Amino acid sequence: MEIKQHDDGKKGKFFIEVAGKEEAEMTYVWAGSDKIIIDHTAVSEVLKGQNAGKQLVAAAVNFAREKQIKILPLCPFAKAVIQKNADYHDIL
């Protein structure tokens, strides 16, 4: 499963396409230059049960580490995944 990213400097998203159609996405907005706020995660029926949502969160965590920024997970799904995984707590 390939995770793609789009970022315009104000907001962005991580997403997964299947056959050219976006089937999963996690959106975020920038809060200053050192933090992103994850505000929404959605996974279509096509990818349900394949850990697509968790993979999107993992991509966001990797992005935050690369950019040396923090994540504020307002999306309940992203918040739950990050809180359950102690390895992710460095980006909070």
N, C-alpha and C. Protein backbone atom coordinates (compact mmCIF):
# COMPACT_ATOMS: atom_id res chain seq x y z
N MET A 1 0.85 -1.18 0.00
CA MET A 1 0.00 0.00 0.00
C MET A 1 0.90 1.24 0.00
N GLU A 2 0.78 2.05 -1.02
CA GLU A 2 1.60 3.26 -1.11
C GLU A 2 0.85 4.45 -0.53
N ILE A 3 1.50 5.12 0.38
CA ILE A 3 0.90 6.31 0.99
C ILE A 3 1.50 7.53 0.33
N LYS A 4 0.63 8.38 -0.16
CA LYS A 4 1.05 9.62 -0.82
C LYS A 4 0.74 10.79 0.09
N GLN A 5 1.35 11.92 -0.21
CA GLN A 5 1.13 13.12 0.59
C GLN A 5 0.99 14.33 -0.31
N HIS A 6 0.11 15.22 0.09
CA HIS A 6 -0.03 16.52 -0.56
C HIS A 6 0.01 17.57 0.54
N ASP A 7 0.80 18.61 0.37
CA ASP A 7 0.93 19.68 1.37
C ASP A 7 1.11 21.00 0.63
N ASP A 8 0.25 21.97 0.96
CA ASP A 8 0.37 23.28 0.30
C ASP A 8 0.97 24.35 1.22
N GLY A 9 1.50 23.92 2.37
CA GLY A 9 2.09 24.86 3.30
C GLY A 9 1.12 25.37 4.36
N LYS A 10 -0.17 25.21 4.13
CA LYS A 10 -1.19 25.60 5.10
C LYS A 10 -1.95 24.39 5.61
N LYS A 11 -2.18 23.45 4.70
CA LYS A 11 -2.87 22.21 5.07
C LYS A 11 -2.36 21.10 4.16
N GLY A 12 -2.72 19.90 4.52
CA GLY A 12 -2.25 18.79 3.71
C GLY A 12 -3.00 17.52 4.04
N LYS A 13 -2.57 16.44 3.41
CA LYS A 13 -3.18 15.15 3.67
C LYS A 13 -2.24 14.03 3.27
N PHE A 14 -2.43 12.91 3.92
CA PHE A 14 -1.81 11.65 3.54
C PHE A 14 -2.95 10.83 2.97
N PHE A 15 -2.70 10.13 1.87
CA PHE A 15 -3.79 9.39 1.26
C PHE A 15 -3.30 8.14 0.53
N ILE A 16 -4.24 7.25 0.28
CA ILE A 16 -3.96 6.00 -0.42
C ILE A 16 -4.93 5.92 -1.59
N GLU A 17 -4.37 5.66 -2.76
CA GLU A 17 -5.19 5.50 -3.96
C GLU A 17 -5.23 4.03 -4.35
N VAL A 18 -6.38 3.61 -4.82
CA VAL A 18 -6.55 2.27 -5.37
C VAL A 18 -7.17 2.44 -6.75
N ALA A 19 -6.50 1.97 -7.76
CA ALA A 19 -6.98 2.09 -9.15
C ALA A 19 -7.29 3.55 -9.50
N GLY A 20 -6.42 4.46 -9.05
CA GLY A 20 -6.58 5.87 -9.39
C GLY A 20 -7.61 6.63 -8.58
N LYS A 21 -8.23 5.96 -7.61
CA LYS A 21 -9.26 6.61 -6.78
C LYS A 21 -8.78 6.67 -5.34
N GLU A 22 -8.97 7.82 -4.70
CA GLU A 22 -8.58 7.98 -3.31
C GLU A 22 -9.51 7.18 -2.41
N GLU A 23 -8.96 6.21 -1.71
CA GLU A 23 -9.78 5.32 -0.88
C GLU A 23 -9.55 5.50 0.62
N ALA A 24 -8.52 6.27 0.99
CA ALA A 24 -8.26 6.56 2.40
C ALA A 24 -7.52 7.89 2.47
N GLU A 25 -7.87 8.68 3.49
CA GLU A 25 -7.16 9.94 3.67
C GLU A 25 -7.14 10.36 5.13
N MET A 26 -6.10 11.10 5.47
CA MET A 26 -5.99 11.73 6.77
C MET A 26 -5.55 13.16 6.53
N THR A 27 -6.37 14.10 6.95
CA THR A 27 -6.08 15.50 6.68
C THR A 27 -5.49 16.19 7.90
N TYR A 28 -4.73 17.24 7.62
CA TYR A 28 -4.12 18.02 8.70
C TYR A 28 -4.00 19.48 8.28
N VAL A 29 -3.84 20.33 9.29
CA VAL A 29 -3.57 21.75 9.05
C VAL A 29 -2.32 22.12 9.84
N TRP A 30 -1.57 23.06 9.30
CA TRP A 30 -0.38 23.54 9.99
C TRP A 30 -0.80 24.53 11.08
N ALA A 31 -0.17 24.40 12.26
CA ALA A 31 -0.36 25.34 13.36
C ALA A 31 1.01 25.96 13.60
N GLY A 32 1.27 27.05 12.90
CA GLY A 32 2.61 27.63 12.96
C GLY A 32 3.55 26.80 12.10
N SER A 33 4.84 26.91 12.39
CA SER A 33 5.82 26.19 11.57
C SER A 33 6.33 24.92 12.23
N ASP A 34 5.85 24.65 13.46
CA ASP A 34 6.40 23.51 14.19
C ASP A 34 5.37 22.48 14.64
N LYS A 35 4.13 22.56 14.10
CA LYS A 35 3.11 21.62 14.52
C LYS A 35 2.05 21.45 13.44
N ILE A 36 1.57 20.19 13.31
CA ILE A 36 0.40 19.95 12.47
C ILE A 36 -0.72 19.41 13.36
N ILE A 37 -1.95 19.72 12.96
CA ILE A 37 -3.12 19.24 13.67
C ILE A 37 -3.84 18.26 12.75
N ILE A 38 -3.88 17.00 13.16
CA ILE A 38 -4.63 16.00 12.39
C ILE A 38 -6.09 16.15 12.75
N ASP A 39 -6.93 16.44 11.74
CA ASP A 39 -8.32 16.74 12.03
C ASP A 39 -9.33 15.73 11.48
N HIS A 40 -8.88 14.82 10.63
CA HIS A 40 -9.85 13.90 10.04
C HIS A 40 -9.14 12.69 9.43
N THR A 41 -9.74 11.52 9.62
CA THR A 41 -9.26 10.30 8.97
C THR A 41 -10.46 9.56 8.43
N ALA A 42 -10.37 9.11 7.19
CA ALA A 42 -11.46 8.35 6.57
C ALA A 42 -10.88 7.23 5.73
N VAL A 43 -11.48 6.06 5.85
CA VAL A 43 -11.07 4.89 5.07
C VAL A 43 -12.32 4.30 4.43
N SER A 44 -12.26 4.10 3.13
CA SER A 44 -13.41 3.55 2.41
C SER A 44 -13.56 2.05 2.68
N GLU A 45 -14.69 1.51 2.30
CA GLU A 45 -14.94 0.07 2.45
C GLU A 45 -13.90 -0.76 1.71
N VAL A 46 -13.37 -0.22 0.62
CA VAL A 46 -12.37 -0.95 -0.18
C VAL A 46 -11.16 -1.34 0.66
N LEU A 47 -10.77 -0.46 1.59
CA LEU A 47 -9.56 -0.70 2.39
C LEU A 47 -9.85 -1.09 3.84
N LYS A 48 -11.11 -1.20 4.22
CA LYS A 48 -11.44 -1.56 5.60
C LYS A 48 -10.79 -2.89 5.97
N GLY A 49 -10.26 -2.95 7.20
CA GLY A 49 -9.66 -4.18 7.68
C GLY A 49 -8.23 -4.42 7.22
N GLN A 50 -7.64 -3.46 6.52
CA GLN A 50 -6.28 -3.62 6.02
C GLN A 50 -5.29 -2.70 6.72
N ASN A 51 -5.68 -2.14 7.85
CA ASN A 51 -4.83 -1.24 8.63
C ASN A 51 -4.44 0.03 7.87
N ALA A 52 -5.26 0.44 6.93
CA ALA A 52 -4.96 1.65 6.14
C ALA A 52 -4.89 2.88 7.05
N GLY A 53 -5.82 3.00 7.97
CA GLY A 53 -5.82 4.16 8.87
C GLY A 53 -4.57 4.22 9.71
N LYS A 54 -4.16 3.08 10.25
CA LYS A 54 -2.94 3.04 11.07
C LYS A 54 -1.71 3.38 10.23
N GLN A 55 -1.72 2.95 8.98
CA GLN A 55 -0.59 3.28 8.11
C GLN A 55 -0.54 4.78 7.81
N LEU A 56 -1.69 5.41 7.71
CA LEU A 56 -1.72 6.87 7.51
C LEU A 56 -1.15 7.58 8.73
N VAL A 57 -1.53 7.12 9.92
CA VAL A 57 -0.99 7.71 11.15
C VAL A 57 0.52 7.51 11.20
N ALA A 58 0.99 6.32 10.85
CA ALA A 58 2.43 6.06 10.86
C ALA A 58 3.16 6.99 9.90
N ALA A 59 2.56 7.26 8.75
CA ALA A 59 3.17 8.17 7.78
C ALA A 59 3.26 9.58 8.35
N ALA A 60 2.22 10.00 9.06
CA ALA A 60 2.24 11.33 9.69
C ALA A 60 3.32 11.42 10.77
N VAL A 61 3.46 10.36 11.55
CA VAL A 61 4.48 10.33 12.59
C VAL A 61 5.87 10.41 11.97
N ASN A 62 6.10 9.66 10.90
CA ASN A 62 7.39 9.71 10.22
C ASN A 62 7.66 11.10 9.65
N PHE A 63 6.63 11.71 9.08
CA PHE A 63 6.74 13.07 8.55
C PHE A 63 7.12 14.04 9.67
N ALA A 64 6.45 13.93 10.81
CA ALA A 64 6.74 14.81 11.95
C ALA A 64 8.18 14.65 12.42
N ARG A 65 8.64 13.44 12.47
CA ARG A 65 10.02 13.19 12.91
C ARG A 65 11.02 13.77 11.91
N GLU A 66 10.77 13.57 10.62
CA GLU A 66 11.67 14.10 9.60
C GLU A 66 11.75 15.62 9.66
N LYS A 67 10.60 16.26 9.88
CA LYS A 67 10.53 17.73 9.90
C LYS A 67 10.82 18.30 11.29
N GLN A 68 10.97 17.42 12.27
CA GLN A 68 11.19 17.83 13.67
C GLN A 68 10.07 18.75 14.14
N ILE A 69 8.84 18.28 13.92
CA ILE A 69 7.65 19.01 14.35
C ILE A 69 6.82 18.12 15.27
N LYS A 70 5.77 18.68 15.85
CA LYS A 70 4.88 17.94 16.74
C LYS A 70 3.53 17.74 16.04
N ILE A 71 2.75 16.81 16.58
CA ILE A 71 1.40 16.53 16.07
C ILE A 71 0.40 16.73 17.20
N LEU A 72 -0.67 17.43 16.90
CA LEU A 72 -1.80 17.54 17.80
C LEU A 72 -2.94 16.74 17.15
N PRO A 73 -3.22 15.53 17.65
CA PRO A 73 -4.24 14.69 17.01
C PRO A 73 -5.64 15.00 17.53
N LEU A 74 -6.37 15.85 16.83
CA LEU A 74 -7.75 16.14 17.22
C LEU A 74 -8.72 15.10 16.68
N CYS A 75 -8.33 14.43 15.63
CA CYS A 75 -9.14 13.34 15.07
C CYS A 75 -9.14 12.19 16.10
N PRO A 76 -10.32 11.72 16.52
CA PRO A 76 -10.38 10.66 17.54
C PRO A 76 -9.62 9.38 17.15
N PHE A 77 -9.67 9.01 15.88
CA PHE A 77 -8.96 7.80 15.45
C PHE A 77 -7.45 7.99 15.59
N ALA A 78 -6.93 9.08 15.03
CA ALA A 78 -5.48 9.32 15.10
C ALA A 78 -5.03 9.44 16.55
N LYS A 79 -5.83 10.11 17.36
CA LYS A 79 -5.48 10.29 18.77
C LYS A 79 -5.38 8.93 19.46
N ALA A 80 -6.33 8.04 19.21
CA ALA A 80 -6.33 6.71 19.83
C ALA A 80 -5.12 5.90 19.39
N VAL A 81 -4.80 5.93 18.10
CA VAL A 81 -3.66 5.16 17.59
C VAL A 81 -2.36 5.67 18.21
N ILE A 82 -2.21 6.98 18.27
CA ILE A 82 -0.98 7.56 18.82
C ILE A 82 -0.87 7.27 20.32
N GLN A 83 -1.97 7.40 21.04
CA GLN A 83 -1.93 7.17 22.49
C GLN A 83 -1.64 5.71 22.83
N LYS A 84 -2.11 4.78 21.99
CA LYS A 84 -1.89 3.35 22.25
C LYS A 84 -0.47 2.91 21.91
N ASN A 85 0.24 3.69 21.11
CA ASN A 85 1.58 3.31 20.67
C ASN A 85 2.62 4.20 21.35
N ALA A 86 3.26 3.69 22.38
CA ALA A 86 4.24 4.48 23.14
C ALA A 86 5.38 5.00 22.25
N ASP A 87 5.69 4.29 21.18
CA ASP A 87 6.76 4.72 20.27
C ASP A 87 6.43 6.03 19.57
N TYR A 88 5.16 6.42 19.56
CA TYR A 88 4.74 7.64 18.88
C TYR A 88 4.70 8.85 19.81
N HIS A 89 4.86 8.66 21.08
CA HIS A 89 4.64 9.76 22.03
C HIS A 89 5.66 10.89 21.90
N ASP A 90 6.78 10.65 21.22
CA ASP A 90 7.78 11.71 21.05
C ASP A 90 7.29 12.84 20.16
N ILE A 91 6.27 12.60 19.35
CA ILE A 91 5.80 13.63 18.42
C ILE A 91 4.64 14.44 19.00
N LEU A 92 4.21 14.09 20.22
CA LEU A 92 3.11 14.84 20.84
C LEU A 92 3.60 16.15 21.44
